[in-house]
């Protein structure tokens, strides 16, 4: 939890250059911040280059249900090369490691047969593992949710298989907790929505990824090995529910990007006062979790006069 006696403002920034001198570690969300699944956003490559030139340690942190190497290849195809960041961590990669070892927590002895719900029938999340994919929940030990075929498929389309899995009391692993995703500028149903529906049917779900602390703590350990500590680290993301909440839970500063999942609520704001009001609404919706910074896009930009969110509100836990 954040310190109980600390009050903060949200600083409005034009670009990442406004905050770059204050941090050595940058944890950056992928979808909605760097790209929309079809193209990299304008200014992203230049911004990453600026951070590398300044010897910042950049970790790309994604709730992707795919493994890290697949995400690396995807970003390469979008023009975001691997030399623009230092590490890439995905919830899919952490799930793969957990299933491979089956020694800790929820993964311990979970079994070797699973039903997979993924995008396009993708099974890469279990490739190389002693795990067999089965179609019949009766034969499975657990359910693995790593993606969805939205918008082609709706939540109702998935309900029959979810009900069957719940009937056989299969433990579920959600390798991507996002309830919504961004695809080509549109919001689509994410795997987290399927996991929530599974819980409605009585299923038990373990979420791997943001905002849950283990994946953030893994990032923190990587940075600490480089001599970078939480007070020198900022989380940059486009979702209050995953990026901003997750960063807050491990006591690191956060920066909300208006482009991405919340772009629709900001799109009609024509003045700083209107942005200010919209941000207040978001903050109230998410238990008064407040980003330290607000930026239009993940761009380098130019420094602006110090303009802060006028209203003061306690941090989470106050």
Protein backbone atom coordinates (compact mmCIF):
# COMPACT_ATOMS: atom_id res chain seq x y z
CA UNK A 1 0.00 0.00 0.00
CA UNK A 2 1.01 3.59 -0.50
CA UNK A 3 2.03 5.61 2.53
CA UNK A 4 -1.01 6.59 4.55
CA UNK A 5 -0.01 10.20 5.21
CA UNK A 6 1.06 11.17 1.70
CA UNK A 7 -1.05 13.43 -0.50
CA UNK A 8 -0.26 13.69 -4.19
CA UNK A 9 -1.21 15.69 -7.23
CA UNK A 10 -1.41 14.40 -10.77
CA UNK A 11 1.03 16.33 -12.92
CA UNK A 12 -0.07 16.95 -16.50
CA UNK A 13 2.84 16.27 -18.88
CA UNK A 14 3.31 16.80 -22.58
CA UNK A 15 5.75 13.94 -22.92
CA UNK A 16 7.97 11.43 -21.17
CA UNK A 17 10.79 13.98 -21.24
CA UNK A 18 8.97 15.76 -18.41
CA UNK A 19 9.65 12.87 -16.04
CA UNK A 20 12.71 11.13 -17.48
CA UNK A 21 15.24 12.80 -15.19
CA UNK A 22 13.37 11.58 -12.10
CA UNK A 23 13.67 7.83 -12.78
CA UNK A 24 16.19 5.18 -13.76
CA UNK A 25 13.71 2.33 -14.22
CA UNK A 26 10.75 2.45 -16.60
CA UNK A 27 8.15 -0.32 -16.64
CA UNK A 28 6.05 0.23 -19.77
CA UNK A 29 2.83 -1.45 -20.82
CA UNK A 30 2.74 -2.75 -24.38
CA UNK A 31 -0.79 -2.78 -25.88
CA UNK A 32 -2.44 0.63 -25.89
CA UNK A 33 0.80 2.42 -25.02
CA UNK A 34 3.33 1.30 -27.64
CA UNK A 35 0.94 -0.07 -30.29
CA UNK A 36 -2.63 -1.16 -30.97
CA UNK A 37 -1.81 -4.62 -32.30
CA UNK A 38 -1.64 -3.36 -35.89
CA UNK A 39 0.80 -0.47 -35.80
CA UNK A 40 3.19 1.31 -33.46
CA UNK A 41 1.94 4.69 -32.31
CA UNK A 42 3.64 7.84 -33.57
CA UNK A 43 6.57 8.90 -31.41
CA UNK A 44 7.01 5.57 -29.62
CA UNK A 45 10.26 4.53 -31.31
CA UNK A 46 11.82 7.96 -30.80
CA UNK A 47 10.77 7.99 -27.14
CA UNK A 48 12.33 4.58 -26.50
CA UNK A 49 15.51 5.72 -28.25
CA UNK A 50 15.70 8.78 -26.00
CA UNK A 51 15.37 6.59 -22.90
CA UNK A 52 18.08 4.21 -24.13
CA UNK A 53 20.38 7.15 -24.93
CA UNK A 54 19.98 8.23 -21.30
CA UNK A 55 20.85 4.73 -20.03
CA UNK A 56 17.39 4.13 -18.57
CA UNK A 57 16.43 0.51 -17.90
CA UNK A 58 13.20 -0.18 -19.77
CA UNK A 59 11.04 -3.23 -19.05
CA UNK A 60 8.10 -3.90 -21.37
CA UNK A 61 5.44 -5.50 -19.17
CA UNK A 62 2.44 -7.06 -20.87
CA UNK A 63 -0.63 -9.04 -19.90
CA UNK A 64 -0.22 -10.95 -23.15
CA UNK A 65 -1.14 -14.62 -22.92
CA UNK A 66 1.69 -15.35 -25.36
CA UNK A 67 5.30 -15.97 -24.39
CA UNK A 68 7.93 -13.25 -24.35
CA UNK A 69 9.64 -14.29 -27.60
CA UNK A 70 6.38 -14.13 -29.55
CA UNK A 71 5.76 -10.63 -28.24
CA UNK A 72 9.30 -9.64 -29.12
CA UNK A 73 8.73 -10.81 -32.69
CA UNK A 74 5.40 -9.02 -32.88
CA UNK A 75 6.94 -5.72 -31.78
CA UNK A 76 9.81 -6.22 -34.22
CA UNK A 77 7.23 -6.54 -37.01
CA UNK A 78 5.68 -3.27 -35.84
CA UNK A 79 9.05 -1.51 -35.95
CA UNK A 80 9.86 -1.66 -32.25
CA UNK A 81 13.18 -3.48 -32.22
CA UNK A 82 14.62 -5.32 -29.24
CA UNK A 83 17.49 -2.84 -28.86
CA UNK A 84 14.96 -0.18 -27.78
CA UNK A 85 14.26 -1.86 -24.42
CA UNK A 86 16.08 -4.04 -21.92
CA UNK A 87 13.59 -6.72 -20.87
CA UNK A 88 10.22 -8.01 -21.98
CA UNK A 89 7.99 -9.79 -19.46
CA UNK A 90 4.58 -11.25 -20.22
CA UNK A 91 1.97 -12.97 -18.10
CA UNK A 92 2.06 -15.77 -20.67
CA UNK A 93 5.77 -16.29 -20.04
CA UNK A 94 5.25 -16.41 -16.27
CA UNK A 95 2.42 -18.90 -16.78
CA UNK A 96 4.65 -21.11 -18.94
CA UNK A 97 7.36 -21.09 -16.28
CA UNK A 98 4.86 -21.91 -13.54
CA UNK A 99 3.44 -24.83 -15.51
CA UNK A 100 6.92 -26.05 -16.35
CA UNK A 101 8.06 -26.14 -12.72
CA UNK A 102 4.75 -26.90 -10.95
CA UNK A 103 6.38 -26.31 -7.58
CA UNK A 104 4.96 -23.03 -6.25
CA UNK A 105 1.55 -21.91 -5.08
CA UNK A 106 -1.35 -22.44 -7.43
CA UNK A 107 0.84 -24.22 -10.00
CA UNK A 108 1.97 -26.93 -7.59
CA UNK A 109 0.93 -30.34 -8.93
CA UNK A 110 -1.80 -28.75 -11.06
CA UNK A 111 -1.65 -31.61 -13.56
CA UNK A 112 -0.67 -32.40 -17.13
CA UNK A 113 -3.95 -32.23 -19.08
CA UNK A 114 -5.79 -29.01 -19.82
CA UNK A 115 -8.51 -27.35 -21.82
CA UNK A 116 -7.23 -24.18 -23.51
CA UNK A 117 -9.24 -21.11 -24.45
CA UNK A 118 -7.01 -18.93 -26.63
CA UNK A 119 -7.03 -16.64 -29.63
CA UNK A 120 -7.15 -18.51 -32.91
CA UNK A 121 -6.57 -21.86 -31.23
CA UNK A 122 -3.04 -20.83 -30.24
CA UNK A 123 -1.29 -23.42 -28.05
CA UNK A 124 2.14 -21.87 -27.83
CA UNK A 125 1.71 -21.22 -24.12
CA UNK A 126 2.14 -24.96 -23.47
CA UNK A 127 4.67 -25.77 -26.20
CA UNK A 128 7.68 -27.59 -24.79
CA UNK A 129 5.81 -28.55 -21.63
CA UNK A 130 4.68 -31.92 -20.35
CA UNK A 131 1.10 -30.74 -20.80
CA UNK A 132 -1.48 -32.31 -23.09
CA UNK A 133 -4.32 -30.23 -24.54
CA UNK A 134 -7.68 -32.02 -24.47
CA UNK A 135 -11.08 -31.01 -25.80
CA UNK A 136 -13.23 -32.76 -23.19
CA UNK A 137 -13.22 -31.09 -19.74
CA UNK A 138 -13.92 -34.51 -18.22
CA UNK A 139 -10.38 -35.57 -19.19
CA UNK A 140 -8.66 -32.38 -18.02
CA UNK A 141 -6.89 -31.39 -14.80
CA UNK A 142 -7.20 -27.64 -15.33
CA UNK A 143 -8.46 -24.87 -17.60
CA UNK A 144 -6.04 -22.40 -19.19
CA UNK A 145 -7.43 -19.08 -20.46
CA UNK A 146 -4.89 -17.16 -22.54
CA UNK A 147 -6.95 -15.29 -25.11
CA UNK A 148 -10.29 -14.88 -26.82
CA UNK A 149 -11.54 -14.62 -30.38
CA UNK A 150 -13.36 -11.35 -29.74
CA UNK A 151 -14.97 -9.58 -31.45
CA UNK A 152 -15.82 -12.55 -33.69
CA UNK A 153 -16.96 -14.47 -30.60
CA UNK A 154 -19.01 -13.08 -27.73
CA UNK A 155 -19.07 -13.97 -24.05
CA UNK A 156 -22.18 -16.07 -24.65
CA UNK A 157 -20.29 -18.15 -27.22
CA UNK A 158 -17.85 -19.22 -24.50
CA UNK A 159 -20.40 -19.99 -21.80
CA UNK A 160 -20.99 -23.67 -22.74
CA UNK A 161 -17.32 -24.66 -22.36
CA UNK A 162 -16.97 -22.57 -19.21
CA UNK A 163 -19.99 -24.27 -17.68
CA UNK A 164 -18.60 -27.71 -18.55
CA UNK A 165 -15.25 -26.93 -16.98
CA UNK A 166 -16.95 -25.62 -13.85
CA UNK A 167 -19.07 -28.76 -13.67
CA UNK A 168 -15.87 -30.83 -13.39
CA UNK A 169 -14.39 -28.37 -10.90
CA UNK A 170 -11.34 -27.58 -13.00
CA UNK A 171 -8.96 -25.04 -11.54
CA UNK A 172 -8.44 -22.21 -14.00
CA UNK A 173 -5.35 -20.17 -14.83
CA UNK A 174 -5.97 -16.85 -16.55
CA UNK A 175 -2.75 -15.96 -18.34
CA UNK A 176 -4.08 -12.53 -19.32
CA UNK A 177 -6.20 -10.72 -16.69
CA UNK A 178 -7.26 -7.91 -19.06
CA UNK A 179 -11.05 -7.68 -19.19
CA UNK A 180 -10.75 -5.43 -22.25
CA UNK A 181 -8.11 -5.20 -24.92
CA UNK A 182 -7.22 -2.79 -27.71
CA UNK A 183 -7.21 -3.97 -31.31
CA UNK A 184 -6.86 -1.51 -34.16
CA UNK A 185 -8.11 1.37 -32.05
CA UNK A 186 -11.18 -0.49 -30.79
CA UNK A 187 -11.78 -2.04 -27.37
CA UNK A 188 -12.51 -5.78 -27.47
CA UNK A 189 -13.34 -8.40 -24.84
CA UNK A 190 -10.27 -9.70 -23.04
CA UNK A 191 -9.56 -13.07 -21.38
CA UNK A 192 -10.18 -11.56 -17.95
CA UNK A 193 -13.86 -11.28 -18.86
CA UNK A 194 -13.98 -15.02 -19.56
CA UNK A 195 -12.23 -15.73 -16.25
CA UNK A 196 -14.74 -13.56 -14.38
CA UNK A 197 -17.60 -15.46 -16.04
CA UNK A 198 -15.99 -18.75 -15.01
CA UNK A 199 -16.04 -17.53 -11.42
CA UNK A 200 -19.73 -16.70 -11.85
CA UNK A 201 -20.26 -20.39 -12.66
CA UNK A 202 -18.45 -21.42 -9.47
CA UNK A 203 -14.96 -21.89 -10.90
CA UNK A 204 -11.74 -21.01 -9.07
CA UNK A 205 -9.35 -18.77 -11.00
CA UNK A 206 -5.71 -17.76 -10.52
CA UNK A 207 -4.80 -14.59 -12.39
CA UNK A 208 -1.24 -14.25 -13.70
CA UNK A 209 -0.30 -10.68 -14.60
CA UNK A 210 -1.18 -7.08 -13.82
CA UNK A 211 -2.39 -5.74 -11.40
CA UNK A 212 -1.43 -8.71 -9.24
CA UNK A 213 1.76 -8.21 -7.30
CA UNK A 214 3.94 -11.22 -8.34
CA UNK A 215 4.58 -9.97 -11.88
CA UNK A 216 5.46 -6.49 -10.58
CA UNK A 217 7.72 -7.96 -7.90
CA UNK A 218 9.50 -9.91 -10.62
CA UNK A 219 10.15 -6.63 -12.47
CA UNK A 220 11.37 -5.02 -9.26
CA UNK A 221 13.85 -7.85 -8.67
CA UNK A 222 15.26 -7.39 -12.19
CA UNK A 223 15.70 -3.67 -11.58
CA UNK A 224 17.23 -4.15 -8.14
CA UNK A 225 19.88 -6.40 -9.71
CA UNK A 226 20.82 -3.30 -11.73
CA UNK A 227 20.88 -1.13 -8.61
CA UNK A 228 17.51 0.47 -9.37
CA UNK A 229 14.96 0.53 -6.56
CA UNK A 230 11.18 1.15 -6.43
CA UNK A 231 11.65 4.82 -5.57
CA UNK A 232 13.59 5.21 -8.83
CA UNK A 233 10.98 3.42 -10.93
CA UNK A 234 7.82 4.50 -12.75
CA UNK A 235 5.05 2.39 -14.30
CA UNK A 236 3.63 3.80 -17.55
CA UNK A 237 0.34 2.36 -18.76
CA UNK A 238 -3.06 3.05 -20.25
CA UNK A 239 -5.32 1.25 -17.76
CA UNK A 240 -6.29 2.30 -14.27
CA UNK A 241 -7.35 -1.25 -13.34
CA UNK A 242 -4.09 -2.96 -14.28
CA UNK A 243 -1.19 -0.55 -14.76
CA UNK A 244 -1.98 2.22 -12.29
CA UNK A 245 -3.45 -0.03 -9.60
CA UNK A 246 -0.65 -2.57 -10.00
CA UNK A 247 2.08 0.04 -9.69
CA UNK A 248 0.39 1.54 -6.65
CA UNK A 249 0.19 -1.85 -4.91
CA UNK A 250 3.98 -2.20 -5.04
CA UNK A 251 4.65 1.43 -4.13
CA UNK A 252 6.04 2.70 -7.40
CA UNK A 253 5.03 5.93 -9.13
CA UNK A 254 2.66 5.70 -12.08
CA UNK A 255 1.93 7.56 -15.30
CA UNK A 256 -1.41 7.18 -17.10
CA UNK A 257 -1.43 7.45 -20.90
CA UNK A 258 -4.67 8.92 -22.23
CA UNK A 259 -4.37 7.01 -25.49
CA UNK A 260 -5.48 3.39 -25.17
CA UNK A 261 -8.20 1.85 -23.04
CA UNK A 262 -9.45 5.12 -21.54
CA UNK A 263 -9.15 7.17 -24.74
CA UNK A 264 -12.92 7.31 -25.21
CA UNK A 265 -13.50 9.08 -21.88
CA UNK A 266 -10.88 11.72 -22.66
CA UNK A 267 -11.70 12.26 -26.36
CA UNK A 268 -14.18 15.10 -25.85
CA UNK A 269 -12.03 17.02 -23.38
CA UNK A 270 -11.07 20.34 -24.95
CA UNK A 271 -9.42 22.06 -21.99
CA UNK A 272 -7.20 21.14 -19.04
CA UNK A 273 -10.21 21.71 -16.75
CA UNK A 274 -12.24 19.11 -18.64
CA UNK A 275 -9.34 16.65 -18.53
CA UNK A 276 -9.07 17.37 -14.82
CA UNK A 277 -12.76 16.57 -14.28
CA UNK A 278 -12.55 13.36 -16.31
CA UNK A 279 -9.51 12.21 -14.39
CA UNK A 280 -11.37 12.81 -11.12
CA UNK A 281 -14.14 10.51 -12.33
CA UNK A 282 -11.65 7.76 -13.17
CA UNK A 283 -9.93 8.13 -9.82
CA UNK A 284 -13.23 7.72 -7.98
CA UNK A 285 -14.09 4.65 -10.06
CA UNK A 286 -10.82 2.98 -9.08
CA UNK A 287 -10.83 3.37 -5.29
CA UNK A 288 -9.06 6.75 -5.31
CA UNK A 289 -5.95 5.28 -6.89
CA UNK A 290 -4.27 8.27 -8.47
CA UNK A 291 -1.57 8.33 -11.16
CA UNK A 292 1.28 10.67 -10.34
CA UNK A 293 1.46 11.77 -13.99
CA UNK A 294 -0.91 12.07 -16.95
CA UNK A 295 0.38 12.19 -20.52
CA UNK A 296 -1.42 12.21 -23.88
CA UNK A 297 0.80 9.65 -25.58
CA UNK A 298 4.03 7.74 -25.03
CA UNK A 299 6.05 10.42 -26.81
CA UNK A 300 9.20 12.25 -25.81
CA UNK A 301 7.65 15.70 -26.21
CA UNK A 302 8.79 18.94 -24.68
CA UNK A 303 8.65 20.11 -21.09
CA UNK A 304 5.65 22.24 -20.12
CA UNK A 305 5.26 24.64 -17.22
CA UNK A 306 4.47 22.68 -14.08
CA UNK A 307 0.68 22.18 -14.27
CA UNK A 308 -0.84 19.99 -11.58
CA UNK A 309 -4.15 18.39 -10.92
CA UNK A 310 -5.92 20.91 -8.71
CA UNK A 311 -7.75 18.61 -6.35
CA UNK A 312 -5.86 16.67 -3.75
CA UNK A 313 -6.87 13.20 -2.73
CA UNK A 314 -5.34 10.61 -0.42
CA UNK A 315 -3.45 7.67 -1.81
CA UNK A 316 -4.86 4.19 -1.52
CA UNK A 317 -5.02 3.05 2.07
CA UNK A 318 -5.38 6.54 3.53
